[in-house]
Amino acid sequence: MKQLLPALALLASALPASAHLSFRGRDLGSFDGASAVSVTLDNQTVPNNSGWADGTFPALADSHKVRPFRFTLAAPAAVTLTVAARAGENFLPAFSLYSGLPHLPPAPLDYDSAPVTSAWLATLGGPQPKAGAFDALHTFRIGNDAATPAADGSYDFDALSTLVFIGCAADGGPANLGPGSGATGDGHADGRVSGTWQLPAGSYTLFVGGADHAHRETSGKNYGVAVTLKITPPASAAMSAMHHHAARPGDAHPLKGVVVDILPGQSTLLVRHEAVPGVMGAMTMLYKVDAPTLASVKKGEAITAHMTRRGDDWWLQDVKPAAAK
């Protein structure tokens, strides 16, 4: 540990100078979840054509090459997010959605080269040093200057903001994402990308950036984008009938999916699952589980379960590893 601070200084010097994470002019709003809403923030800009795609590689990416947006739900709702390039611009957009927010004022803002962020990045596997903290395909952590080192130079990583990955969408495909990218595009490369998730109440961060790692720019420029959030509440006519008939509290429905992430602090699993006939389509969604299930499941594991409603929450019970094919 005596060499920790010099090592971190070296890592911090290797990271690019980065802006602090701020939502100024990029707050999509707070919503009650009970009303159908569509909100668009146009005249937004993204500073690089490859910032998001860079974050799909093991070296990660500099977060100032993507733009953060935020929104809050007071109740569960289906949320559709769409990012479209400005007409006439040669830009392929992409985005990642996370549960949670970085530090907000009056706390100091988070940034890639904060000492606590550098300390955390130095513990991660894969190539070092990291290009930044932004991970387009997984949960990631980033911190601010409020965190101070202990006498031995170590940091308490509980001081970091944790952004829990929910899902992503990218324009195009391998030709622009680049060889070795962990992402899959929509196959269109038409300057527009969209995704829909069923989300519980909470606050969310959306990072928007460029998907063209294969032709990445060294200097970058500002590309115009419009970001649209559309909310479909569970209480809409069709969804209400569906819930009251096929998903009454206590009813159990078979589910097949894959555990995308495990959130112990929320007793929750993020699961990408197939359609549940008569209840909901295929999607990635957060589910409550009991303590024994939380301790037994593994990230990336294929599972079978029964899905049920308890109040406003969706729960999984009888969770088991899926039979190998």
Protein backbone atom coordinates (compact mmCIF):
# COMPACT_ATOMS: atom_id res chain seq x y z
CA MET A 1 0.00 0.00 0.00
CA LYS A 2 2.98 2.33 0.44
CA GLN A 3 3.27 2.55 -3.36
CA LEU A 4 -0.42 3.20 -3.84
CA LEU A 5 -0.37 6.99 -4.09
CA PRO A 6 2.51 7.16 -6.62
CA ALA A 7 0.80 4.46 -8.68
CA LEU A 8 -2.44 6.38 -8.60
CA ALA A 9 -0.68 9.56 -9.62
CA LEU A 10 0.68 7.72 -12.65
CA LEU A 11 -2.78 6.39 -13.50
CA ALA A 12 -4.40 9.80 -13.11
CA SER A 13 -1.80 11.36 -15.39
CA ALA A 14 -2.60 8.73 -18.02
CA LEU A 15 -6.32 9.54 -17.95
CA PRO A 16 -7.49 12.31 -20.27
CA ALA A 17 -8.57 15.61 -18.76
CA SER A 18 -12.26 15.08 -18.18
CA ALA A 19 -15.29 17.18 -17.49
CA HIS A 20 -17.35 16.64 -14.37
CA LEU A 21 -20.66 14.78 -14.74
CA SER A 22 -23.42 17.37 -14.87
CA PHE A 23 -27.05 17.24 -16.01
CA ARG A 24 -27.27 20.96 -16.78
CA GLY A 25 -29.83 21.32 -19.59
CA ARG A 26 -30.22 17.52 -19.75
CA ASP A 27 -32.91 16.72 -17.17
CA LEU A 28 -35.75 14.92 -18.95
CA GLY A 29 -37.99 15.44 -15.91
CA SER A 30 -39.81 13.69 -13.08
CA PHE A 31 -42.94 11.68 -13.85
CA ASP A 32 -45.72 10.16 -11.80
CA GLY A 33 -45.86 7.03 -13.98
CA ALA A 34 -49.66 7.30 -14.16
CA SER A 35 -49.84 9.47 -17.29
CA ALA A 36 -48.74 8.89 -20.87
CA VAL A 37 -45.96 11.40 -21.55
CA SER A 38 -43.53 12.14 -24.38
CA VAL A 39 -40.67 14.57 -23.80
CA THR A 40 -37.98 15.56 -26.31
CA LEU A 41 -34.80 17.50 -25.64
CA ASP A 42 -33.57 18.66 -29.03
CA ASN A 43 -30.61 20.86 -29.88
CA GLN A 44 -28.42 18.59 -27.75
CA THR A 45 -24.85 17.83 -28.76
CA VAL A 46 -22.49 14.87 -28.42
CA PRO A 47 -18.76 15.75 -28.54
CA ASN A 48 -17.38 12.69 -30.33
CA ASN A 49 -18.43 10.12 -32.92
CA SER A 50 -17.21 7.11 -30.92
CA GLY A 51 -17.45 7.89 -27.20
CA TRP A 52 -20.17 5.34 -26.45
CA ALA A 53 -18.63 2.59 -28.59
CA ASP A 54 -15.24 3.16 -26.92
CA GLY A 55 -16.94 2.17 -23.65
CA THR A 56 -17.77 -1.29 -25.02
CA PHE A 57 -14.08 -2.29 -24.91
CA PRO A 58 -12.10 -3.50 -21.85
CA ALA A 59 -10.13 -0.25 -21.59
CA LEU A 60 -13.45 1.59 -20.97
CA ALA A 61 -13.94 5.22 -22.05
CA ASP A 62 -13.64 8.81 -20.97
CA SER A 63 -17.06 9.91 -19.69
CA HIS A 64 -16.72 13.42 -21.13
CA LYS A 65 -17.02 11.89 -24.63
CA VAL A 66 -20.63 10.96 -23.86
CA ARG A 67 -23.48 13.09 -22.51
CA PRO A 68 -25.46 12.24 -19.34
CA PHE A 69 -29.22 12.76 -19.08
CA ARG A 70 -31.50 11.98 -16.15
CA PHE A 71 -35.14 11.24 -15.31
CA THR A 72 -37.17 10.07 -12.32
CA LEU A 73 -40.22 7.82 -12.06
CA ALA A 74 -42.53 8.01 -9.04
CA ALA A 75 -44.19 4.73 -10.03
CA PRO A 76 -43.46 1.80 -12.37
CA ALA A 77 -43.89 2.44 -16.10
CA ALA A 78 -42.80 1.28 -19.53
CA VAL A 79 -40.17 3.73 -20.81
CA THR A 80 -39.12 4.08 -24.46
CA LEU A 81 -35.94 6.03 -25.13
CA THR A 82 -35.01 7.27 -28.61
CA VAL A 83 -31.93 9.15 -29.78
CA ALA A 84 -31.89 10.63 -33.28
CA ALA A 85 -29.07 12.39 -35.10
CA ARG A 86 -29.70 15.88 -36.48
CA ALA A 87 -30.82 15.77 -40.12
CA GLY A 88 -27.92 15.84 -42.53
CA GLU A 89 -25.26 14.81 -39.99
CA ASN A 90 -23.23 11.66 -40.46
CA PHE A 91 -23.61 10.43 -36.89
CA LEU A 92 -24.53 6.99 -35.51
CA PRO A 93 -26.00 7.35 -32.00
CA ALA A 94 -26.06 4.93 -29.09
CA PHE A 95 -27.04 5.06 -25.43
CA SER A 96 -26.86 3.13 -22.16
CA LEU A 97 -29.42 3.25 -19.35
CA TYR A 98 -28.52 2.93 -15.67
CA SER A 99 -30.38 2.89 -12.38
CA GLY A 100 -29.09 5.56 -10.02
CA LEU A 101 -27.43 8.95 -10.36
CA PRO A 102 -23.90 10.31 -9.90
CA HIS A 103 -23.32 12.79 -7.10
CA LEU A 104 -25.46 15.91 -7.41
CA PRO A 105 -24.90 19.45 -6.11
CA PRO A 106 -24.22 20.61 -3.46
CA ALA A 107 -21.86 17.59 -3.37
CA PRO A 108 -18.80 17.86 -5.63
CA LEU A 109 -19.45 16.38 -9.07
CA ASP A 110 -17.96 13.06 -10.21
CA TYR A 111 -15.22 12.80 -12.82
CA ASP A 112 -12.90 10.19 -14.35
CA SER A 113 -9.61 11.40 -12.92
CA ALA A 114 -10.81 12.05 -9.36
CA PRO A 115 -8.30 10.29 -7.08
CA VAL A 116 -10.92 7.86 -5.74
CA THR A 117 -12.04 7.05 -9.30
CA SER A 118 -8.43 6.41 -10.32
CA ALA A 119 -7.96 4.15 -7.29
CA TRP A 120 -11.03 2.16 -8.21
CA LEU A 121 -10.08 1.83 -11.88
CA ALA A 122 -6.64 0.55 -10.88
CA THR A 123 -8.30 -2.46 -9.19
CA LEU A 124 -10.14 -3.56 -12.34
CA GLY A 125 -8.98 -6.36 -14.60
CA GLY A 126 -8.06 -6.02 -18.25
CA PRO A 127 -5.77 -3.43 -19.82
CA GLN A 128 -4.33 -0.66 -17.66
CA PRO A 129 -4.46 2.24 -17.42
CA LYS A 130 -8.13 2.66 -18.22
CA ALA A 131 -9.17 5.38 -20.66
CA GLY A 132 -11.84 6.49 -18.17
CA ALA A 133 -14.65 5.22 -15.97
CA PHE A 134 -17.46 4.92 -18.53
CA ASP A 135 -18.58 1.33 -19.21
CA ALA A 136 -21.31 1.17 -21.86
CA LEU A 137 -22.25 -2.47 -21.15
CA HIS A 138 -21.92 -2.97 -17.40
CA THR A 139 -22.45 -1.36 -14.02
CA PHE A 140 -19.69 1.16 -13.34
CA ARG A 141 -18.47 3.41 -10.54
CA ILE A 142 -17.14 6.96 -10.48
CA GLY A 143 -16.34 9.39 -7.69
CA ASN A 144 -15.63 12.97 -6.67
CA ASP A 145 -13.17 15.00 -4.62
CA ALA A 146 -15.11 14.55 -1.37
CA ALA A 147 -13.42 11.17 -0.92
CA THR A 148 -10.08 11.44 0.87
CA PRO A 149 -7.43 8.74 1.35
CA ALA A 150 -6.76 6.95 4.62
CA ALA A 151 -3.34 7.19 6.24
CA ASP A 152 -2.10 4.24 4.17
CA GLY A 153 -3.26 5.85 0.92
CA SER A 154 -6.28 3.58 0.41
CA TYR A 155 -9.81 4.77 -0.35
CA ASP A 156 -13.23 3.72 0.87
CA PHE A 157 -14.93 2.73 -2.36
CA ASP A 158 -18.36 3.10 -0.73
CA ALA A 159 -17.84 6.81 -1.47
CA LEU A 160 -18.19 6.11 -5.21
CA SER A 161 -21.40 6.62 -7.16
CA THR A 162 -22.62 3.30 -8.56
CA LEU A 163 -24.57 3.35 -11.83
CA VAL A 164 -26.34 0.01 -12.28
CA PHE A 165 -26.53 -1.08 -15.91
CA ILE A 166 -30.04 -1.81 -17.22
CA GLY A 167 -29.65 -1.93 -20.98
CA CYS A 168 -28.38 -0.21 -24.11
CA ALA A 169 -29.11 0.37 -27.79
CA ALA A 170 -26.71 1.18 -30.63
CA ASP A 171 -27.15 2.22 -34.24
CA GLY A 172 -25.54 0.10 -36.95
CA GLY A 173 -23.45 -3.04 -36.43
CA PRO A 174 -19.93 -4.51 -36.57
CA ALA A 175 -18.87 -2.22 -39.43
CA ASN A 176 -19.07 0.82 -37.15
CA LEU A 177 -18.84 -0.69 -33.64
CA GLY A 178 -15.47 -2.17 -34.54
CA PRO A 179 -13.87 -5.60 -34.07
CA GLY A 180 -13.76 -6.69 -30.46
CA SER A 181 -16.68 -4.53 -29.34
CA GLY A 182 -18.96 -6.25 -26.87
CA ALA A 183 -22.00 -4.48 -28.30
CA THR A 184 -24.62 -5.52 -30.84
CA GLY A 185 -26.17 -2.83 -33.03
CA ASP A 186 -29.67 -2.55 -34.46
CA GLY A 187 -28.42 -3.30 -37.99
CA HIS A 188 -29.75 -0.10 -39.56
CA ALA A 189 -27.04 2.60 -39.36
CA ASP A 190 -29.74 5.18 -40.07
CA GLY A 191 -28.94 7.81 -37.42
CA ARG A 192 -31.68 6.68 -35.03
CA VAL A 193 -31.82 4.16 -32.19
CA SER A 194 -34.50 3.21 -29.66
CA GLY A 195 -35.17 0.84 -26.77
CA THR A 196 -37.99 0.05 -24.32
CA TRP A 197 -37.78 -1.11 -20.70
CA GLN A 198 -40.28 -1.73 -17.93
CA LEU A 199 -38.82 0.23 -15.01
CA PRO A 200 -39.71 0.45 -11.32
CA ALA A 201 -39.93 3.75 -9.47
CA GLY A 202 -36.54 5.39 -9.13
CA SER A 203 -33.99 7.76 -10.63
CA TYR A 204 -32.14 6.91 -13.83
CA THR A 205 -29.11 8.07 -15.79
CA LEU A 206 -28.89 7.87 -19.58
CA PHE A 207 -25.52 8.23 -21.34
CA VAL A 208 -25.70 9.18 -25.03
CA GLY A 209 -22.74 9.01 -27.40
CA GLY A 210 -21.35 7.96 -30.75
CA ALA A 211 -21.31 4.35 -31.98
CA ASP A 212 -18.60 4.65 -34.67
CA HIS A 213 -15.48 3.21 -33.04
CA ALA A 214 -14.26 1.90 -36.40
CA HIS A 215 -13.87 5.49 -37.65
CA ARG A 216 -13.20 7.21 -34.34
CA GLU A 217 -12.00 10.80 -34.38
CA THR A 218 -9.01 12.00 -32.43
CA SER A 219 -10.15 15.60 -32.10
CA GLY A 220 -13.92 15.20 -32.22
CA LYS A 221 -16.67 17.68 -33.02
CA ASN A 222 -20.14 18.46 -31.78
CA TYR A 223 -22.87 16.32 -33.34
CA GLY A 224 -26.49 17.35 -32.92
CA VAL A 225 -28.98 14.88 -31.42
CA ALA A 226 -32.53 14.83 -30.09
CA VAL A 227 -33.32 12.66 -27.06
CA THR A 228 -36.92 11.52 -26.53
CA LEU A 229 -38.45 9.80 -23.51
CA LYS A 230 -41.90 8.26 -23.84
CA ILE A 231 -43.77 6.86 -20.85
CA THR A 232 -46.55 4.30 -21.09
CA PRO A 233 -48.10 3.85 -17.63
CA PRO A 234 -49.26 0.42 -16.42
CA ALA A 235 -52.66 2.03 -15.81
CA SER A 236 -53.28 2.66 -19.51
CA ALA A 237 -56.38 0.91 -20.82
CA ALA A 238 -54.62 -2.00 -22.47
CA MET A 239 -52.10 -2.50 -19.68
CA SER A 240 -54.73 -2.16 -16.98
CA ALA A 241 -56.86 -4.88 -18.53
CA MET A 242 -53.77 -7.04 -18.94
CA HIS A 243 -52.71 -6.62 -15.34
CA HIS A 244 -56.12 -7.15 -13.80
CA HIS A 245 -56.86 -10.19 -15.89
CA ALA A 246 -53.55 -11.95 -16.40
CA ALA A 247 -51.29 -10.49 -13.71
CA ARG A 248 -53.41 -10.10 -10.63
CA PRO A 249 -51.46 -9.85 -7.37
CA GLY A 250 -50.50 -13.36 -6.34
CA ASP A 251 -50.75 -14.87 -9.84
CA ALA A 252 -47.53 -16.63 -10.89
CA HIS A 253 -46.33 -16.69 -14.50
CA PRO A 254 -43.44 -18.80 -15.88
CA LEU A 255 -40.39 -16.81 -16.96
CA LYS A 256 -37.15 -17.68 -18.78
CA GLY A 257 -34.24 -15.26 -18.83
CA VAL A 258 -30.65 -14.37 -18.00
CA VAL A 259 -29.40 -12.57 -14.88
CA VAL A 260 -27.80 -9.35 -16.18
CA ASP A 261 -26.88 -7.94 -12.78
CA ILE A 262 -27.34 -8.51 -9.04
CA LEU A 263 -28.20 -5.58 -6.74
CA PRO A 264 -27.78 -6.83 -3.14
CA GLY A 265 -28.59 -3.46 -1.57
CA GLN A 266 -32.01 -3.46 -3.24
CA SER A 267 -32.69 -7.23 -2.98
CA THR A 268 -33.14 -7.06 -6.74
CA LEU A 269 -32.06 -8.88 -9.90
CA LEU A 270 -31.82 -7.29 -13.33
CA VAL A 271 -33.11 -9.97 -15.73
CA ARG A 272 -33.27 -10.01 -19.52
CA HIS A 273 -36.18 -12.33 -20.25
CA GLU A 274 -38.33 -13.76 -23.00
CA ALA A 275 -41.93 -12.63 -23.51
CA VAL A 276 -44.36 -13.69 -20.80
CA PRO A 277 -47.54 -14.48 -22.78
CA GLY A 278 -50.51 -12.35 -21.78
CA VAL A 279 -48.46 -10.29 -19.33
CA MET A 280 -45.52 -8.48 -20.97
CA GLY A 281 -43.16 -8.63 -23.92
CA ALA A 282 -39.51 -9.58 -23.94
CA MET A 283 -37.49 -6.96 -22.03
CA THR A 284 -34.84 -6.28 -19.42
CA MET A 285 -36.40 -5.55 -16.04
CA LEU A 286 -35.64 -5.31 -12.32
CA TYR A 287 -37.26 -7.94 -10.05
CA LYS A 288 -37.35 -8.27 -6.28
CA VAL A 289 -36.17 -11.61 -4.83
CA ASP A 290 -35.78 -13.10 -1.36
CA ALA A 291 -32.43 -13.35 0.45
CA PRO A 292 -31.70 -17.03 -0.35
CA THR A 293 -32.28 -16.39 -4.07
CA LEU A 294 -30.08 -13.30 -4.00
CA ALA A 295 -27.25 -15.35 -2.47
CA SER A 296 -27.55 -18.29 -4.86
CA VAL A 297 -27.88 -16.76 -8.34
CA LYS A 298 -24.91 -15.83 -10.51
CA LYS A 299 -24.46 -12.96 -12.94
CA GLY A 300 -24.82 -14.19 -16.52
CA GLU A 301 -26.72 -17.31 -15.42
CA ALA A 302 -29.72 -18.51 -17.45
CA ILE A 303 -32.69 -19.06 -15.15
CA THR A 304 -36.29 -20.16 -15.00
CA ALA A 305 -38.64 -18.63 -12.44
CA HIS A 306 -42.20 -17.61 -11.70
CA MET A 307 -43.04 -13.92 -11.91
CA THR A 308 -45.65 -12.41 -9.60
CA ARG A 309 -46.92 -8.99 -8.52
CA ARG A 310 -46.85 -7.79 -4.91
CA GLY A 311 -48.29 -4.29 -4.73
CA ASP A 312 -46.37 -2.12 -7.20
CA ASP A 313 -43.38 -4.48 -7.35
CA TRP A 314 -42.64 -7.48 -9.54
CA TRP A 315 -41.08 -10.46 -7.77
CA LEU A 316 -39.39 -13.66 -8.91
CA GLN A 317 -39.92 -16.87 -6.99
CA ASP A 318 -38.86 -20.50 -7.59
CA VAL A 319 -35.70 -19.22 -9.31
CA LYS A 320 -33.61 -22.09 -10.69
CA PRO A 321 -30.72 -22.47 -13.16
CA ALA A 322 -32.11 -23.23 -16.61
CA ALA A 323 -31.56 -26.79 -17.80
CA ALA A 324 -28.58 -27.05 -20.14
CA LYS A 325 -29.55 -27.70 -23.75
